[in-house]
Amino acid sequence: MDLNQIFKTPNPIIGVVHLLPLPTSCRWGGSLKAAIARAEQEATALASGGVDGIMVENFFDAPFAKSQVDPAVVSAMTLIVQRIANLVTLPLGVNVLRNDARSAMAIASCVDAQFIRVNVLTGVMATDQGLIEGEADKLLRYRRELGSDVKILADVLVKHARPLSAPNLTVAVTDTIERGLADGIILSGWATGSPPSLEDLELASAAANGTPVFIGSGASWENIATLMQAADGAIVSSSLKRHGKRDQPIDPIRVSQFVEAARRCIAAKENPQSVSGVKIHS
């Protein structure tokens, strides 16, 4: 996966648009217009704040279906991602929670998005939705059938889940890349808003052997300088919201603050001498 080609940078910051509840979800409010308006507002805020890409996910549809969402959700997400594509020129991604990778691939392929996120691509994870089994073979075959080049970013030992086997991070990363054919790896903490440890990121990066590794949760302007030492990019949402609260809309000022901190960290990693002594302020 050539990050430079897709994101125009080797260290992309991907902001996430958390969609309001969609049709047929438990908290669906009856207005798709409201969901579209909120998504457009957040995408614009992310773009104006300087992110390198945007991912759209049905975050507020919880409790989630385990492996296949209702067709109405697919229809709504396709419409919303297309609306966002008409607003911003950034690379776009899709995540259909909890693990409907096939629908994500279909949406992304139809609207010319560049990537999808898959929570469980290989292995078996015990989750609050029950046991989720990776289906890399079906997803890769489906991508080929669609004639698509959409990239697959796959979580390893995904948050809000526990592996059934021993959680050996190095083996999990290697299997996800070599046996699941993931284009990129995502490492998160145990829950939304919880960051991975620097040690785990270092282990994952070593095992990935050149395949991009993304921070998948818990990144903030306070910790990004540490975490990016061992990662190629970050996927971020909660810390970019008003007051850092996940139910609030994206705050463009917090986006700019995060992006600036990340850029300084990346510059320091590339050329330590030229930025020595630089401090990051809120």
Foldseek 3Di string as FASTA:
>chain_A
DQCCVQQVDQAFAEEEDAFAAFPPAPPDPPDLVVRLVLSLVQLVLLVLLPGREYEYEPNNSPVDAQADDDVRVLVSVLVSVLVSVVVDVHAYAYEYPPAPLLSRLVSCLVNVHAEYEGAEQAAWKQAPNGIHHHDLVVNVVSCVVSVHNRAYEYEFCGARIHGPDPRDLLVSLLCCCVVSVHQAYEYAPNHALGWDDLVSLQSNLVSNVPRFYETEHNDALVCLLPNVLRGRYYYDYQNQFDVSHRVGGGDSVRSNLSVVSNVLSVVCSVPVVVCPPPDRDD
